[in-house]
């Protein structure tokens, strides 16, 4: 089974790039974040023509939005709300074999890493705290699950272009890293990407639009993640970060797809 996750930054604006990913990588399941469209306007037709006839979509106009697209049947679709908001950030569904997929778009947190000065950062930290409490109360570590999405945190030293310079920048601050690490510990989640790329090697999935030449500057961050629970760890058979997609024309997303393979 091949699962892809991508913060596409508007599925309607970048539909052609999504179809390109499908034609080149042929994932069985695609999880999208920041779809930025209401459900009635989601481009289901072209995706169904490519075989993605099963879909669990939860979106809103102009912001956020998540979707699970699948060639395989989906069961038990669910929407999860956090921080007393219904802002389209977390959905789940079950794949054949009982594997539960969770697709999450975690708040970015704004620019100031102080919850007293920045409500967006406070929201991000509360979101993480609620998730840390929710997982052990509602799921068990022996359940086969995949958690994917734009978690908006680069936790490891080599998940950012400069650990020292990024310590005070939202996405790599110690408090965010501490909370994401605690989230990962709730059910013994396995970081699928770092199973294939050692911790001491640079690994990015996002490059800012602000860089004139993103590839030359290469000031990236690993904001997109794929985690699996312990029962699925032995099935991990490959991982690909589609870095080239950052340069796809005409209008690339600032994130690139991450693709993980699970052996039968």
C-alpha atoms as a PDB file:
ATOM      1  CA  UNK A   1       0.000   0.000   0.000  1.00  0.00           C
ATOM      2  CA  UNK A   2       1.335   3.428  -0.963  1.00  0.00           C
ATOM      3  CA  UNK A   3       0.156   6.431   1.050  1.00  0.00           C
ATOM      4  CA  UNK A   4       0.895  10.020   0.084  1.00  0.00           C
ATOM      5  CA  UNK A   5       0.402  13.149   2.164  1.00  0.00           C
ATOM      6  CA  UNK A   6       0.580  16.686   0.781  1.00  0.00           C
ATOM      7  CA  UNK A   7      -0.296  20.167   1.942  1.00  0.00           C
ATOM      8  CA  UNK A   8      -1.461  21.221  -1.499  1.00  0.00           C
ATOM      9  CA  UNK A   9      -2.363  24.817  -0.584  1.00  0.00           C
ATOM     10  CA  UNK A  10      -5.643  24.828  -2.599  1.00  0.00           C
ATOM     11  CA  UNK A  11      -6.748  21.666  -4.378  1.00  0.00           C
ATOM     12  CA  UNK A  12      -8.622  23.545  -7.088  1.00  0.00           C
ATOM     13  CA  UNK A  13      -5.714  25.862  -7.863  1.00  0.00           C
ATOM     14  CA  UNK A  14      -3.261  22.961  -8.025  1.00  0.00           C
ATOM     15  CA  UNK A  15      -5.416  20.168  -9.404  1.00  0.00           C
ATOM     16  CA  UNK A  16      -3.081  19.691 -12.370  1.00  0.00           C
ATOM     17  CA  UNK A  17      -0.157  19.177  -9.990  1.00  0.00           C
ATOM     18  CA  UNK A  18      -2.163  16.652  -7.986  1.00  0.00           C
ATOM     19  CA  UNK A  19      -2.944  14.738 -11.173  1.00  0.00           C
ATOM     20  CA  UNK A  20       0.753  14.824 -12.028  1.00  0.00           C
ATOM     21  CA  UNK A  21       1.601  13.321  -8.652  1.00  0.00           C
ATOM     22  CA  UNK A  22      -0.979  10.605  -9.253  1.00  0.00           C
ATOM     23  CA  UNK A  23       0.388   9.764 -12.698  1.00  0.00           C
ATOM     24  CA  UNK A  24       4.005   9.706 -11.530  1.00  0.00           C
ATOM     25  CA  UNK A  25       3.741   8.094  -8.074  1.00  0.00           C
ATOM     26  CA  UNK A  26       0.451   6.167  -8.275  1.00  0.00           C
ATOM     27  CA  UNK A  27      -0.394   6.191  -4.564  1.00  0.00           C
ATOM     28  CA  UNK A  28      -3.255   4.065  -3.305  1.00  0.00           C
ATOM     29  CA  UNK A  29      -4.273   6.680  -0.742  1.00  0.00           C
ATOM     30  CA  UNK A  30      -3.747  10.441  -0.846  1.00  0.00           C
ATOM     31  CA  UNK A  31      -4.170  12.673   2.193  1.00  0.00           C
ATOM     32  CA  UNK A  32      -4.400  16.387   1.463  1.00  0.00           C
ATOM     33  CA  UNK A  33      -4.247  19.398   3.753  1.00  0.00           C
ATOM     34  CA  UNK A  34      -5.207  23.015   3.091  1.00  0.00           C
ATOM     35  CA  UNK A  35      -7.679  22.039   0.405  1.00  0.00           C
ATOM     36  CA  UNK A  36      -9.304  25.484   0.849  1.00  0.00           C
ATOM     37  CA  UNK A  37     -12.701  24.650  -0.622  1.00  0.00           C
ATOM     38  CA  UNK A  38     -16.163  23.692   0.528  1.00  0.00           C
ATOM     39  CA  UNK A  39     -17.066  20.053  -0.060  1.00  0.00           C
ATOM     40  CA  UNK A  40     -19.498  20.789  -2.901  1.00  0.00           C
ATOM     41  CA  UNK A  41     -16.706  22.436  -4.905  1.00  0.00           C
ATOM     42  CA  UNK A  42     -14.087  19.742  -4.350  1.00  0.00           C
ATOM     43  CA  UNK A  43     -12.913  18.417  -7.771  1.00  0.00           C
ATOM     44  CA  UNK A  44     -14.093  14.849  -7.307  1.00  0.00           C
ATOM     45  CA  UNK A  45     -14.649  14.111 -11.005  1.00  0.00           C
ATOM     46  CA  UNK A  46     -11.054  14.215 -12.319  1.00  0.00           C
ATOM     47  CA  UNK A  47      -9.881  12.261  -9.292  1.00  0.00           C
ATOM     48  CA  UNK A  48     -12.544   9.578  -9.703  1.00  0.00           C
ATOM     49  CA  UNK A  49     -11.451   9.244 -13.336  1.00  0.00           C
ATOM     50  CA  UNK A  50      -7.973   8.378 -12.003  1.00  0.00           C
ATOM     51  CA  UNK A  51      -9.492   5.684  -9.779  1.00  0.00           C
ATOM     52  CA  UNK A  52      -9.986   7.589  -6.547  1.00  0.00           C
ATOM     53  CA  UNK A  53     -13.644   6.777  -6.239  1.00  0.00           C
ATOM     54  CA  UNK A  54     -13.575   6.679  -2.441  1.00  0.00           C
ATOM     55  CA  UNK A  55     -13.232  10.001  -0.645  1.00  0.00           C
ATOM     56  CA  UNK A  56     -13.659  11.460   2.808  1.00  0.00           C
ATOM     57  CA  UNK A  57     -13.619  15.255   2.505  1.00  0.00           C
ATOM     58  CA  UNK A  58     -14.015  17.970   5.107  1.00  0.00           C
ATOM     59  CA  UNK A  59     -13.446  21.498   3.907  1.00  0.00           C
ATOM     60  CA  UNK A  60     -14.345  25.151   4.264  1.00  0.00           C
ATOM     61  CA  UNK A  61     -14.164  28.203   2.070  1.00  0.00           C
ATOM     62  CA  UNK A  62     -10.707  29.688   1.665  1.00  0.00           C
ATOM     63  CA  UNK A  63      -8.955  28.108   4.647  1.00  0.00           C
ATOM     64  CA  UNK A  64      -7.776  24.796   6.083  1.00  0.00           C
ATOM     65  CA  UNK A  65      -9.582  21.680   4.817  1.00  0.00           C
ATOM     66  CA  UNK A  66      -8.501  18.023   4.747  1.00  0.00           C
ATOM     67  CA  UNK A  67      -9.289  15.120   2.438  1.00  0.00           C
ATOM     68  CA  UNK A  68      -8.582  11.399   2.176  1.00  0.00           C
ATOM     69  CA  UNK A  69      -8.761  10.097  -1.400  1.00  0.00           C
ATOM     70  CA  UNK A  70      -8.488   6.375  -2.005  1.00  0.00           C
ATOM     71  CA  UNK A  71      -8.550   3.694  -4.662  1.00  0.00           C
ATOM     72  CA  UNK A  72      -9.456   1.342  -1.805  1.00  0.00           C
ATOM     73  CA  UNK A  73     -12.758   1.331   0.091  1.00  0.00           C
ATOM     74  CA  UNK A  74     -12.991   3.621   3.100  1.00  0.00           C
ATOM     75  CA  UNK A  75     -14.998   2.772   6.200  1.00  0.00           C
ATOM     76  CA  UNK A  76     -15.925   4.548   9.423  1.00  0.00           C
ATOM     77  CA  UNK A  77     -15.279   8.095   8.226  1.00  0.00           C
ATOM     78  CA  UNK A  78     -15.014  10.503  11.132  1.00  0.00           C
ATOM     79  CA  UNK A  79     -14.379  14.189  11.762  1.00  0.00           C
ATOM     80  CA  UNK A  80     -12.479  15.290  14.857  1.00  0.00           C
ATOM     81  CA  UNK A  81     -12.742  18.789  16.311  1.00  0.00           C
ATOM     82  CA  UNK A  82     -10.259  20.519  18.595  1.00  0.00           C
ATOM     83  CA  UNK A  83     -10.178  23.663  20.743  1.00  0.00           C
ATOM     84  CA  UNK A  84     -13.955  24.135  20.521  1.00  0.00           C
ATOM     85  CA  UNK A  85     -13.673  24.915  16.809  1.00  0.00           C
ATOM     86  CA  UNK A  86     -15.006  23.264  13.693  1.00  0.00           C
ATOM     87  CA  UNK A  87     -12.206  24.381  11.404  1.00  0.00           C
ATOM     88  CA  UNK A  88     -11.616  21.307   9.233  1.00  0.00           C
ATOM     89  CA  UNK A  89      -8.267  20.125  10.547  1.00  0.00           C
ATOM     90  CA  UNK A  90      -8.609  16.395  11.328  1.00  0.00           C
ATOM     91  CA  UNK A  91     -10.410  13.499   9.706  1.00  0.00           C
ATOM     92  CA  UNK A  92      -9.988   9.738   9.844  1.00  0.00           C
ATOM     93  CA  UNK A  93     -11.160   6.650   7.991  1.00  0.00           C
ATOM     94  CA  UNK A  94     -10.453   2.924   7.957  1.00  0.00           C
ATOM     95  CA  UNK A  95      -8.793   1.097   5.065  1.00  0.00           C
ATOM     96  CA  UNK A  96      -9.167  -2.588   4.225  1.00  0.00           C
ATOM     97  CA  UNK A  97      -7.428  -4.699   6.835  1.00  0.00           C
ATOM     98  CA  UNK A  98      -8.551  -2.381   9.600  1.00  0.00           C
ATOM     99  CA  UNK A  99      -5.804   0.222   9.207  1.00  0.00           C
ATOM    100  CA  UNK A 100      -7.068   3.570  10.489  1.00  0.00           C
ATOM    101  CA  UNK A 101      -5.722   6.660   8.742  1.00  0.00           C
ATOM    102  CA  UNK A 102      -5.691  10.040  10.487  1.00  0.00           C
ATOM    103  CA  UNK A 103      -5.120  13.127   8.356  1.00  0.00           C
ATOM    104  CA  UNK A 104      -4.226  16.247  10.377  1.00  0.00           C
ATOM    105  CA  UNK A 105      -3.515  19.875   9.605  1.00  0.00           C
ATOM    106  CA  UNK A 106      -2.099  21.339  12.796  1.00  0.00           C
ATOM    107  CA  UNK A 107      -2.289  25.132  13.292  1.00  0.00           C
ATOM    108  CA  UNK A 108       0.787  26.998  12.073  1.00  0.00           C
ATOM    109  CA  UNK A 109       0.934  29.242  15.124  1.00  0.00           C
ATOM    110  CA  UNK A 110       1.615  32.635  13.583  1.00  0.00           C
ATOM    111  CA  UNK A 111       4.939  34.446  13.880  1.00  0.00           C
ATOM    112  CA  UNK A 112       5.447  35.251  17.580  1.00  0.00           C
ATOM    113  CA  UNK A 113       6.299  32.232  19.785  1.00  0.00           C
ATOM    114  CA  UNK A 114       4.549  33.598  22.863  1.00  0.00           C
ATOM    115  CA  UNK A 115       1.024  32.411  23.727  1.00  0.00           C
ATOM    116  CA  UNK A 116       0.326  35.566  25.745  1.00  0.00           C
ATOM    117  CA  UNK A 117       1.167  37.869  22.841  1.00  0.00           C
ATOM    118  CA  UNK A 118      -0.043  35.634  20.012  1.00  0.00           C
ATOM    119  CA  UNK A 119      -3.442  33.926  20.078  1.00  0.00           C
ATOM    120  CA  UNK A 120      -2.477  31.773  17.103  1.00  0.00           C
ATOM    121  CA  UNK A 121       0.453  30.316  19.013  1.00  0.00           C
ATOM    122  CA  UNK A 122      -1.747  29.750  22.047  1.00  0.00           C
ATOM    123  CA  UNK A 123      -4.209  27.895  19.790  1.00  0.00           C
ATOM    124  CA  UNK A 124      -1.412  25.688  18.457  1.00  0.00           C
ATOM    125  CA  UNK A 125      -0.231  24.734  21.933  1.00  0.00           C
ATOM    126  CA  UNK A 126      -3.772  24.025  23.129  1.00  0.00           C
ATOM    127  CA  UNK A 127      -4.402  21.889  20.047  1.00  0.00           C
ATOM    128  CA  UNK A 128      -1.323  19.820  20.879  1.00  0.00           C
ATOM    129  CA  UNK A 129      -2.283  19.495  24.548  1.00  0.00           C
ATOM    130  CA  UNK A 130      -5.762  18.252  23.652  1.00  0.00           C
ATOM    131  CA  UNK A 131      -4.358  15.694  21.225  1.00  0.00           C
ATOM    132  CA  UNK A 132      -1.820  14.473  23.763  1.00  0.00           C
ATOM    133  CA  UNK A 133      -4.694  13.744  26.149  1.00  0.00           C
ATOM    134  CA  UNK A 134      -7.027  12.315  23.489  1.00  0.00           C
ATOM    135  CA  UNK A 135      -4.946   9.541  21.950  1.00  0.00           C
ATOM    136  CA  UNK A 136      -4.320   7.334  25.012  1.00  0.00           C
ATOM    137  CA  UNK A 137      -7.915   7.887  26.150  1.00  0.00           C
ATOM    138  CA  UNK A 138      -9.464   6.877  22.812  1.00  0.00           C
ATOM    139  CA  UNK A 139      -7.016   4.602  21.001  1.00  0.00           C
ATOM    140  CA  UNK A 140      -4.577   1.832  21.951  1.00  0.00           C
ATOM    141  CA  UNK A 141      -1.022   1.305  20.785  1.00  0.00           C
ATOM    142  CA  UNK A 142      -1.835  -2.141  19.417  1.00  0.00           C
ATOM    143  CA  UNK A 143      -4.276  -0.702  16.887  1.00  0.00           C
ATOM    144  CA  UNK A 144      -2.814  -0.420  13.356  1.00  0.00           C
ATOM    145  CA  UNK A 145      -2.925   3.297  12.533  1.00  0.00           C
ATOM    146  CA  UNK A 146      -1.235   5.801  10.277  1.00  0.00           C
ATOM    147  CA  UNK A 147      -1.080   9.484  11.216  1.00  0.00           C
ATOM    148  CA  UNK A 148      -0.135  11.837   8.412  1.00  0.00           C
ATOM    149  CA  UNK A 149      -0.260  15.519   7.689  1.00  0.00           C
ATOM    150  CA  UNK A 150       1.171  18.968   7.996  1.00  0.00           C
ATOM    151  CA  UNK A 151       1.974  19.120  11.695  1.00  0.00           C
ATOM    152  CA  UNK A 152       3.711  22.502  11.298  1.00  0.00           C
ATOM    153  CA  UNK A 153       6.573  21.487  13.584  1.00  0.00           C
ATOM    154  CA  UNK A 154      10.096  20.443  12.602  1.00  0.00           C
ATOM    155  CA  UNK A 155      11.146  18.546  15.738  1.00  0.00           C
ATOM    156  CA  UNK A 156      14.699  17.363  15.112  1.00  0.00           C
ATOM    157  CA  UNK A 157      17.919  19.341  14.749  1.00  0.00           C
ATOM    158  CA  UNK A 158      18.312  18.300  11.123  1.00  0.00           C
ATOM    159  CA  UNK A 159      14.657  18.925  10.292  1.00  0.00           C
ATOM    160  CA  UNK A 160      15.582  22.591   9.805  1.00  0.00           C
ATOM    161  CA  UNK A 161      18.300  24.343   7.842  1.00  0.00           C
ATOM    162  CA  UNK A 162      19.834  25.860  10.989  1.00  0.00           C
ATOM    163  CA  UNK A 163      18.963  24.491  14.406  1.00  0.00           C
ATOM    164  CA  UNK A 164      20.620  27.399  16.233  1.00  0.00           C
ATOM    165  CA  UNK A 165      18.976  30.133  14.167  1.00  0.00           C
ATOM    166  CA  UNK A 166      15.556  28.453  14.216  1.00  0.00           C
ATOM    167  CA  UNK A 167      15.228  27.933  17.983  1.00  0.00           C
ATOM    168  CA  UNK A 168      13.261  31.157  18.324  1.00  0.00           C
ATOM    169  CA  UNK A 169      11.186  30.663  15.179  1.00  0.00           C
ATOM    170  CA  UNK A 170       7.676  29.195  15.312  1.00  0.00           C
ATOM    171  CA  UNK A 171       7.802  25.534  14.149  1.00  0.00           C
ATOM    172  CA  UNK A 172      11.095  24.720  15.885  1.00  0.00           C
ATOM    173  CA  UNK A 173      10.809  26.302  19.323  1.00  0.00           C
ATOM    174  CA  UNK A 174      11.556  24.091  22.342  1.00  0.00           C
ATOM    175  CA  UNK A 175       7.958  24.188  23.611  1.00  0.00           C
ATOM    176  CA  UNK A 176       6.576  23.016  20.268  1.00  0.00           C
ATOM    177  CA  UNK A 177       9.179  20.276  19.956  1.00  0.00           C
ATOM    178  CA  UNK A 178       8.481  19.145  23.520  1.00  0.00           C
ATOM    179  CA  UNK A 179       4.748  18.874  22.878  1.00  0.00           C
ATOM    180  CA  UNK A 180       5.128  17.097  19.527  1.00  0.00           C
ATOM    181  CA  UNK A 181       7.531  14.653  21.163  1.00  0.00           C
ATOM    182  CA  UNK A 182       4.962  14.032  23.898  1.00  0.00           C
ATOM    183  CA  UNK A 183       2.317  13.453  21.234  1.00  0.00           C
ATOM    184  CA  UNK A 184       4.552  10.916  19.539  1.00  0.00           C
ATOM    185  CA  UNK A 185       5.060   9.128  22.840  1.00  0.00           C
ATOM    186  CA  UNK A 186       1.345   8.689  23.557  1.00  0.00           C
ATOM    187  CA  UNK A 187       1.058   5.427  21.621  1.00  0.00           C
ATOM    188  CA  UNK A 188       4.684   4.789  20.775  1.00  0.00           C
ATOM    189  CA  UNK A 189       4.255   6.303  17.312  1.00  0.00           C
ATOM    190  CA  UNK A 190       7.048   5.485  14.865  1.00  0.00           C
ATOM    191  CA  UNK A 191       8.411   8.306  12.689  1.00  0.00           C
ATOM    192  CA  UNK A 192       8.212   6.578   9.301  1.00  0.00           C
ATOM    193  CA  UNK A 193      10.370   9.084   7.443  1.00  0.00           C
ATOM    194  CA  UNK A 194      13.246   8.848   9.886  1.00  0.00           C
ATOM    195  CA  UNK A 195      13.166   5.068   9.568  1.00  0.00           C
ATOM    196  CA  UNK A 196      14.720   5.594   6.134  1.00  0.00           C
ATOM    197  CA  UNK A 197      16.649   8.847   6.602  1.00  0.00           C
ATOM    198  CA  UNK A 198      18.915   8.887   9.675  1.00  0.00           C
ATOM    199  CA  UNK A 199      18.427  11.645  12.245  1.00  0.00           C
ATOM    200  CA  UNK A 200      21.826  13.192  11.440  1.00  0.00           C
ATOM    201  CA  UNK A 201      20.892  13.896   7.805  1.00  0.00           C
ATOM    202  CA  UNK A 202      18.960  16.962   6.659  1.00  0.00           C
ATOM    203  CA  UNK A 203      15.346  16.266   5.670  1.00  0.00           C
ATOM    204  CA  UNK A 204      12.888  18.939   4.516  1.00  0.00           C
ATOM    205  CA  UNK A 205       9.346  18.994   3.128  1.00  0.00           C
ATOM    206  CA  UNK A 206       8.730  22.776   3.009  1.00  0.00           C
ATOM    207  CA  UNK A 207      10.525  25.743   1.480  1.00  0.00           C
ATOM    208  CA  UNK A 208       9.237  29.293   1.923  1.00  0.00           C
ATOM    209  CA  UNK A 209       7.706  31.269  -0.917  1.00  0.00           C
ATOM    210  CA  UNK A 210       9.796  34.211   0.299  1.00  0.00           C
ATOM    211  CA  UNK A 211      13.040  32.749  -1.045  1.00  0.00           C
ATOM    212  CA  UNK A 212      13.827  33.984  -4.547  1.00  0.00           C
ATOM    213  CA  UNK A 213      15.589  30.709  -5.327  1.00  0.00           C
ATOM    214  CA  UNK A 214      14.333  28.104  -2.888  1.00  0.00           C
ATOM    215  CA  UNK A 215      16.573  25.334  -4.275  1.00  0.00           C
ATOM    216  CA  UNK A 216      19.795  27.361  -4.065  1.00  0.00           C
ATOM    217  CA  UNK A 217      19.034  28.727  -0.602  1.00  0.00           C
ATOM    218  CA  UNK A 218      17.722  25.344   0.595  1.00  0.00           C
ATOM    219  CA  UNK A 219      16.448  26.808   3.859  1.00  0.00           C
ATOM    220  CA  UNK A 220      13.859  24.125   4.389  1.00  0.00           C
ATOM    221  CA  UNK A 221      11.951  22.577   7.266  1.00  0.00           C
ATOM    222  CA  UNK A 222      10.361  19.148   7.781  1.00  0.00           C
ATOM    223  CA  UNK A 223       6.812  20.170   8.635  1.00  0.00           C
ATOM    224  CA  UNK A 224       5.031  17.191   7.052  1.00  0.00           C
ATOM    225  CA  UNK A 225       5.053  13.847   8.791  1.00  0.00           C
ATOM    226  CA  UNK A 226       4.008  10.213   8.583  1.00  0.00           C
ATOM    227  CA  UNK A 227       3.747   8.221  11.792  1.00  0.00           C
ATOM    228  CA  UNK A 228       2.610   4.639  12.327  1.00  0.00           C
ATOM    229  CA  UNK A 229       1.712   2.689  15.443  1.00  0.00           C
ATOM    230  CA  UNK A 230       4.006  -0.211  16.466  1.00  0.00           C
ATOM    231  CA  UNK A 231       1.986  -2.962  14.692  1.00  0.00           C
ATOM    232  CA  UNK A 232       2.671  -1.290  11.322  1.00  0.00           C
ATOM    233  CA  UNK A 233       6.345  -0.499  11.869  1.00  0.00           C
ATOM    234  CA  UNK A 234       7.573  -3.846  10.433  1.00  0.00           C
ATOM    235  CA  UNK A 235       5.526  -3.177   7.269  1.00  0.00           C
ATOM    236  CA  UNK A 236       7.331   0.080   6.437  1.00  0.00           C
ATOM    237  CA  UNK A 237       9.149  -0.642   3.181  1.00  0.00           C
ATOM    238  CA  UNK A 238       9.985   2.732   1.650  1.00  0.00           C
ATOM    239  CA  UNK A 239       9.733   6.499   1.872  1.00  0.00           C
ATOM    240  CA  UNK A 240      10.026   9.234  -0.735  1.00  0.00           C
ATOM    241  CA  UNK A 241      10.038  13.016  -0.326  1.00  0.00           C
ATOM    242  CA  UNK A 242       9.089  14.412  -3.733  1.00  0.00           C
ATOM    243  CA  UNK A 243      11.391  17.439  -3.516  1.00  0.00           C
ATOM    244  CA  UNK A 244      11.067  18.120  -7.236  1.00  0.00           C
ATOM    245  CA  UNK A 245       7.403  19.025  -6.734  1.00  0.00           C
ATOM    246  CA  UNK A 246       8.493  22.276  -5.062  1.00  0.00           C
ATOM    247  CA  UNK A 247       9.490  23.421  -8.541  1.00  0.00           C
ATOM    248  CA  UNK A 248       6.487  22.141 -10.468  1.00  0.00           C
ATOM    249  CA  UNK A 249       4.895  24.771 -12.617  1.00  0.00           C
ATOM    250  CA  UNK A 250       2.863  26.807 -12.955  1.00  0.00           C
ATOM    251  CA  UNK A 251       2.141  27.396  -9.253  1.00  0.00           C
ATOM    252  CA  UNK A 252       3.824  24.979  -6.834  1.00  0.00           C
ATOM    253  CA  UNK A 253       2.817  24.508  -3.238  1.00  0.00           C
ATOM    254  CA  UNK A 254       5.423  25.483  -0.657  1.00  0.00           C
ATOM    255  CA  UNK A 255       5.114  21.919   0.683  1.00  0.00           C
ATOM    256  CA  UNK A 256       6.035  18.759  -1.227  1.00  0.00           C
ATOM    257  CA  UNK A 257       4.390  15.337  -1.142  1.00  0.00           C
ATOM    258  CA  UNK A 258       5.672  12.656   1.202  1.00  0.00           C
ATOM    259  CA  UNK A 259       5.064   9.060   0.129  1.00  0.00           C
ATOM    260  CA  UNK A 260       5.371   5.980   2.333  1.00  0.00           C
ATOM    261  CA  UNK A 261       5.056   2.346   1.287  1.00  0.00           C
ATOM    262  CA  UNK A 262       3.670  -0.401   3.498  1.00  0.00           C
ATOM    263  CA  UNK A 263       4.430  -3.997   2.547  1.00  0.00           C
ATOM    264  CA  UNK A 264       1.619  -6.573   2.701  1.00  0.00           C
END
